[in-house]
Amino acid sequence: MHCPFCGNQETQVKDSRSTEDGAAIRRRRICCACTQRFTTIERVQLRELTVIKADGRRIPFERDKLARSIRIALRKRPVDEVRQERLLNGLVRQLESSGDQEIPSYKIGELVMDALRDVDGVAYVRFASVYKDFREIEAFSKILVDMSKTSNPPSQEPS
């Protein structure tokens, strides 16, 4: 492991522990040259995934890019970091275990929208507005109407 501060190749692991959901190992390391400390996270990767973009380009799947878009959608929403990480891990596991090595970007977008719909409606609309590239207000109103049809309104008890 290269030191991110000085580039030295010799580092020592000082502490290792599993993450809360057991999907990764967090390691505290120290550089033998500059003595700076840093953290690395190791995750199981079942296979290399390739994303097929709408224009036909093929690019490597980036977990961090998916995490960033989910965090942006969930920004300032009442969803804690642990639940966000579980959501992300579940999506990545679902993609890796699908059996497909090449996955169309629209399929990833649909999976994320389905997951966010179950977690937080506002985050779902935020993600959908970027993913579906809404340009007109009618597109927003259509998605809100669709959401209201699928969600269960709170029951009203007679007074």
C-alpha atoms as a PDB file:
ATOM      1  CA  MET A   1       0.000   0.000   0.000  1.00  0.00           C
ATOM      2  CA  HIS A   2       1.458   3.342  -1.062  1.00  0.00           C
ATOM      3  CA  CYS A   3       1.477   6.203   1.451  1.00  0.00           C
ATOM      4  CA  PRO A   4      -0.888   8.949   0.188  1.00  0.00           C
ATOM      5  CA  PHE A   5       1.405  11.600   1.720  1.00  0.00           C
ATOM      6  CA  CYS A   6       4.905  10.686   0.512  1.00  0.00           C
ATOM      7  CA  GLY A   7       4.328   7.781  -1.898  1.00  0.00           C
ATOM      8  CA  ASN A   8       6.481   5.349   0.077  1.00  0.00           C
ATOM      9  CA  GLN A   9       5.610   1.696  -0.580  1.00  0.00           C
ATOM     10  CA  GLU A  10       6.222   0.478   2.971  1.00  0.00           C
ATOM     11  CA  THR A  11       3.326   0.922   5.383  1.00  0.00           C
ATOM     12  CA  GLN A  12       2.329  -0.991   8.486  1.00  0.00           C
ATOM     13  CA  VAL A  13      -1.147  -1.968   9.605  1.00  0.00           C
ATOM     14  CA  LYS A  14      -1.705  -0.731  13.164  1.00  0.00           C
ATOM     15  CA  ASP A  15      -5.354  -1.705  13.614  1.00  0.00           C
ATOM     16  CA  SER A  16      -7.962  -3.697  11.665  1.00  0.00           C
ATOM     17  CA  ARG A  17     -11.657  -3.965  12.339  1.00  0.00           C
ATOM     18  CA  SER A  18     -14.762  -5.001  10.494  1.00  0.00           C
ATOM     19  CA  THR A  19     -17.352  -2.404   9.540  1.00  0.00           C
ATOM     20  CA  GLU A  20     -20.782  -2.480  11.186  1.00  0.00           C
ATOM     21  CA  ASP A  21     -22.378  -4.571   8.456  1.00  0.00           C
ATOM     22  CA  GLY A  22     -19.351  -6.819   7.998  1.00  0.00           C
ATOM     23  CA  ALA A  23     -19.056  -5.942   4.298  1.00  0.00           C
ATOM     24  CA  ALA A  24     -15.615  -4.327   4.625  1.00  0.00           C
ATOM     25  CA  ILE A  25     -12.484  -4.165   6.753  1.00  0.00           C
ATOM     26  CA  ARG A  26     -11.212  -0.816   7.976  1.00  0.00           C
ATOM     27  CA  ARG A  27      -7.431  -0.676   8.488  1.00  0.00           C
ATOM     28  CA  ARG A  28      -5.421   2.064  10.208  1.00  0.00           C
ATOM     29  CA  ARG A  29      -1.969   2.275   8.661  1.00  0.00           C
ATOM     30  CA  ILE A  30       1.246   4.168   9.350  1.00  0.00           C
ATOM     31  CA  CYS A  31       3.909   5.060   6.799  1.00  0.00           C
ATOM     32  CA  CYS A  32       7.390   3.749   7.656  1.00  0.00           C
ATOM     33  CA  ALA A  33       9.050   6.769   6.005  1.00  0.00           C
ATOM     34  CA  CYS A  34       7.032   9.865   6.995  1.00  0.00           C
ATOM     35  CA  THR A  35       5.114   8.345   9.982  1.00  0.00           C
ATOM     36  CA  GLN A  36       1.795   9.767   8.733  1.00  0.00           C
ATOM     37  CA  ARG A  37      -1.309   7.730   9.586  1.00  0.00           C
ATOM     38  CA  PHE A  38      -4.148   6.964   7.181  1.00  0.00           C
ATOM     39  CA  THR A  39      -7.121   4.638   6.831  1.00  0.00           C
ATOM     40  CA  THR A  40      -7.869   2.129   4.095  1.00  0.00           C
ATOM     41  CA  ILE A  41     -11.062   0.187   3.533  1.00  0.00           C
ATOM     42  CA  GLU A  42     -11.091  -3.244   1.899  1.00  0.00           C
ATOM     43  CA  ARG A  43     -14.252  -4.651   0.324  1.00  0.00           C
ATOM     44  CA  VAL A  44     -15.030  -7.925  -1.355  1.00  0.00           C
ATOM     45  CA  GLN A  45     -15.434  -7.518  -5.089  1.00  0.00           C
ATOM     46  CA  LEU A  46     -17.144 -10.455  -6.737  1.00  0.00           C
ATOM     47  CA  ARG A  47     -16.309  -9.390 -10.288  1.00  0.00           C
ATOM     48  CA  GLU A  48     -15.212  -6.451 -12.382  1.00  0.00           C
ATOM     49  CA  LEU A  49     -18.294  -4.627 -13.621  1.00  0.00           C
ATOM     50  CA  THR A  50     -18.527  -2.497 -16.733  1.00  0.00           C
ATOM     51  CA  VAL A  51     -21.180   0.175 -17.230  1.00  0.00           C
ATOM     52  CA  ILE A  52     -22.624   0.610 -20.719  1.00  0.00           C
ATOM     53  CA  LYS A  53     -23.480   4.286 -21.110  1.00  0.00           C
ATOM     54  CA  ALA A  54     -26.404   5.509 -23.242  1.00  0.00           C
ATOM     55  CA  ASP A  55     -24.017   6.510 -26.043  1.00  0.00           C
ATOM     56  CA  GLY A  56     -22.505   3.003 -26.136  1.00  0.00           C
ATOM     57  CA  ARG A  57     -19.275   3.778 -24.276  1.00  0.00           C
ATOM     58  CA  ARG A  58     -18.108   1.172 -21.781  1.00  0.00           C
ATOM     59  CA  ILE A  59     -16.526   2.407 -18.562  1.00  0.00           C
ATOM     60  CA  PRO A  60     -15.499   0.603 -15.360  1.00  0.00           C
ATOM     61  CA  PHE A  61     -18.111   0.628 -12.586  1.00  0.00           C
ATOM     62  CA  GLU A  62     -17.147   3.040  -9.802  1.00  0.00           C
ATOM     63  CA  ARG A  63     -18.626   2.338  -6.381  1.00  0.00           C
ATOM     64  CA  ASP A  64     -17.598   5.801  -5.195  1.00  0.00           C
ATOM     65  CA  LYS A  65     -19.526   7.481  -8.021  1.00  0.00           C
ATOM     66  CA  LEU A  66     -22.669   5.578  -7.058  1.00  0.00           C
ATOM     67  CA  ALA A  67     -22.105   6.446  -3.378  1.00  0.00           C
ATOM     68  CA  ARG A  68     -21.701  10.131  -4.214  1.00  0.00           C
ATOM     69  CA  SER A  69     -24.959  10.290  -6.183  1.00  0.00           C
ATOM     70  CA  ILE A  70     -26.873   8.528  -3.401  1.00  0.00           C
ATOM     71  CA  ARG A  71     -25.401  10.855  -0.765  1.00  0.00           C
ATOM     72  CA  ILE A  72     -26.336  13.904  -2.828  1.00  0.00           C
ATOM     73  CA  ALA A  73     -29.927  12.667  -3.144  1.00  0.00           C
ATOM     74  CA  LEU A  74     -30.070  11.992   0.613  1.00  0.00           C
ATOM     75  CA  ARG A  75     -28.353  15.244   1.662  1.00  0.00           C
ATOM     76  CA  LYS A  76     -30.161  16.911   4.591  1.00  0.00           C
ATOM     77  CA  ARG A  77     -32.666  14.053   4.786  1.00  0.00           C
ATOM     78  CA  PRO A  78     -33.296  12.041   7.975  1.00  0.00           C
ATOM     79  CA  VAL A  79     -31.350   8.976   6.772  1.00  0.00           C
ATOM     80  CA  ASP A  80     -28.264   8.177   8.849  1.00  0.00           C
ATOM     81  CA  GLU A  81     -24.857   7.201   7.439  1.00  0.00           C
ATOM     82  CA  VAL A  82     -25.232   3.547   8.471  1.00  0.00           C
ATOM     83  CA  ARG A  83     -28.480   3.175   6.536  1.00  0.00           C
ATOM     84  CA  GLN A  84     -26.956   4.935   3.517  1.00  0.00           C
ATOM     85  CA  GLU A  85     -23.988   2.543   3.587  1.00  0.00           C
ATOM     86  CA  ARG A  86     -26.321  -0.465   3.836  1.00  0.00           C
ATOM     87  CA  LEU A  87     -28.311   0.850   0.880  1.00  0.00           C
ATOM     88  CA  LEU A  88     -25.119   1.293  -1.157  1.00  0.00           C
ATOM     89  CA  ASN A  89     -23.749  -2.141  -0.185  1.00  0.00           C
ATOM     90  CA  GLY A  90     -27.058  -3.761  -1.100  1.00  0.00           C
ATOM     91  CA  LEU A  91     -27.108  -2.103  -4.523  1.00  0.00           C
ATOM     92  CA  VAL A  92     -23.511  -3.091  -5.272  1.00  0.00           C
ATOM     93  CA  ARG A  93     -24.166  -6.683  -4.130  1.00  0.00           C
ATOM     94  CA  GLN A  94     -27.260  -6.784  -6.327  1.00  0.00           C
ATOM     95  CA  LEU A  95     -25.251  -5.605  -9.349  1.00  0.00           C
ATOM     96  CA  GLU A  96     -22.350  -7.988  -8.703  1.00  0.00           C
ATOM     97  CA  SER A  97     -24.578 -11.000  -8.165  1.00  0.00           C
ATOM     98  CA  SER A  98     -26.779 -10.306 -11.208  1.00  0.00           C
ATOM     99  CA  GLY A  99     -24.551 -12.516 -13.334  1.00  0.00           C
ATOM    100  CA  ASP A 100     -23.970  -9.751 -15.867  1.00  0.00           C
ATOM    101  CA  GLN A 101     -20.499  -8.317 -16.195  1.00  0.00           C
ATOM    102  CA  GLU A 102     -21.717  -5.455 -18.378  1.00  0.00           C
ATOM    103  CA  ILE A 103     -24.623  -3.462 -16.991  1.00  0.00           C
ATOM    104  CA  PRO A 104     -26.486  -0.689 -18.831  1.00  0.00           C
ATOM    105  CA  SER A 105     -26.444   2.615 -16.960  1.00  0.00           C
ATOM    106  CA  TYR A 106     -30.248   2.837 -17.134  1.00  0.00           C
ATOM    107  CA  LYS A 107     -30.487  -0.427 -15.148  1.00  0.00           C
ATOM    108  CA  ILE A 108     -28.305   1.021 -12.385  1.00  0.00           C
ATOM    109  CA  GLY A 109     -30.424   4.188 -12.350  1.00  0.00           C
ATOM    110  CA  GLU A 110     -33.647   2.194 -12.068  1.00  0.00           C
ATOM    111  CA  LEU A 111     -32.239   0.096  -9.196  1.00  0.00           C
ATOM    112  CA  VAL A 112     -31.188   3.245  -7.331  1.00  0.00           C
ATOM    113  CA  MET A 113     -34.581   4.894  -7.885  1.00  0.00           C
ATOM    114  CA  ASP A 114     -36.410   1.811  -6.591  1.00  0.00           C
ATOM    115  CA  ALA A 115     -34.193   1.688  -3.503  1.00  0.00           C
ATOM    116  CA  LEU A 116     -34.538   5.415  -2.787  1.00  0.00           C
ATOM    117  CA  ARG A 117     -38.329   5.281  -3.223  1.00  0.00           C
ATOM    118  CA  ASP A 118     -38.445   2.841  -0.294  1.00  0.00           C
ATOM    119  CA  VAL A 119     -36.071   4.926   1.851  1.00  0.00           C
ATOM    120  CA  ASP A 120     -37.066   8.568   1.311  1.00  0.00           C
ATOM    121  CA  GLY A 121     -39.516  10.135  -1.141  1.00  0.00           C
ATOM    122  CA  VAL A 122     -37.685  13.456  -1.392  1.00  0.00           C
ATOM    123  CA  ALA A 123     -34.387  11.703  -2.161  1.00  0.00           C
ATOM    124  CA  TYR A 124     -36.185   9.643  -4.778  1.00  0.00           C
ATOM    125  CA  VAL A 125     -37.517  12.765  -6.520  1.00  0.00           C
ATOM    126  CA  ARG A 126     -34.087  14.444  -6.317  1.00  0.00           C
ATOM    127  CA  PHE A 127     -32.361  11.444  -7.891  1.00  0.00           C
ATOM    128  CA  ALA A 128     -35.091  10.974 -10.494  1.00  0.00           C
ATOM    129  CA  SER A 129     -34.918  14.634 -11.529  1.00  0.00           C
ATOM    130  CA  VAL A 130     -31.222  14.276 -12.374  1.00  0.00           C
ATOM    131  CA  TYR A 131     -31.399  10.719 -13.712  1.00  0.00           C
ATOM    132  CA  LYS A 132     -34.382  11.386 -15.969  1.00  0.00           C
ATOM    133  CA  ASP A 133     -33.065  14.876 -16.832  1.00  0.00           C
ATOM    134  CA  PHE A 134     -36.319  16.712 -16.139  1.00  0.00           C
ATOM    135  CA  ARG A 135     -36.616  19.878 -18.202  1.00  0.00           C
ATOM    136  CA  GLU A 136     -40.292  20.666 -17.742  1.00  0.00           C
ATOM    137  CA  ILE A 137     -42.417  21.026 -14.615  1.00  0.00           C
ATOM    138  CA  GLU A 138     -44.861  18.463 -16.014  1.00  0.00           C
ATOM    139  CA  ALA A 139     -42.233  15.757 -15.550  1.00  0.00           C
ATOM    140  CA  PHE A 140     -41.991  16.621 -11.843  1.00  0.00           C
ATOM    141  CA  SER A 141     -45.741  16.614 -11.397  1.00  0.00           C
ATOM    142  CA  LYS A 142     -46.034  13.245 -13.176  1.00  0.00           C
ATOM    143  CA  ILE A 143     -43.491  11.620 -10.858  1.00  0.00           C
ATOM    144  CA  LEU A 144     -45.218  13.116  -7.803  1.00  0.00           C
ATOM    145  CA  VAL A 145     -48.583  11.793  -8.979  1.00  0.00           C
ATOM    146  CA  ASP A 146     -47.026   8.364  -9.544  1.00  0.00           C
ATOM    147  CA  MET A 147     -45.528   8.451  -6.044  1.00  0.00           C
ATOM    148  CA  SER A 148     -48.817   9.409  -4.417  1.00  0.00           C
ATOM    149  CA  LYS A 149     -50.530   6.460  -6.141  1.00  0.00           C
ATOM    150  CA  THR A 150     -47.967   3.969  -4.795  1.00  0.00           C
ATOM    151  CA  SER A 151     -47.623   5.337  -1.278  1.00  0.00           C
ATOM    152  CA  ASN A 152     -50.134   4.605   1.444  1.00  0.00           C
ATOM    153  CA  PRO A 153     -51.670   7.821   2.776  1.00  0.00           C
ATOM    154  CA  PRO A 154     -52.008   8.026   6.549  1.00  0.00           C
ATOM    155  CA  SER A 155     -55.339   6.786   7.764  1.00  0.00           C
ATOM    156  CA  GLN A 156     -57.779   9.446   8.885  1.00  0.00           C
ATOM    157  CA  GLU A 157     -59.808   8.525  11.936  1.00  0.00           C
ATOM    158  CA  PRO A 158     -63.216  10.158  12.318  1.00  0.00           C
ATOM    159  CA  SER A 159     -63.377  12.705  15.129  1.00  0.00           C
END
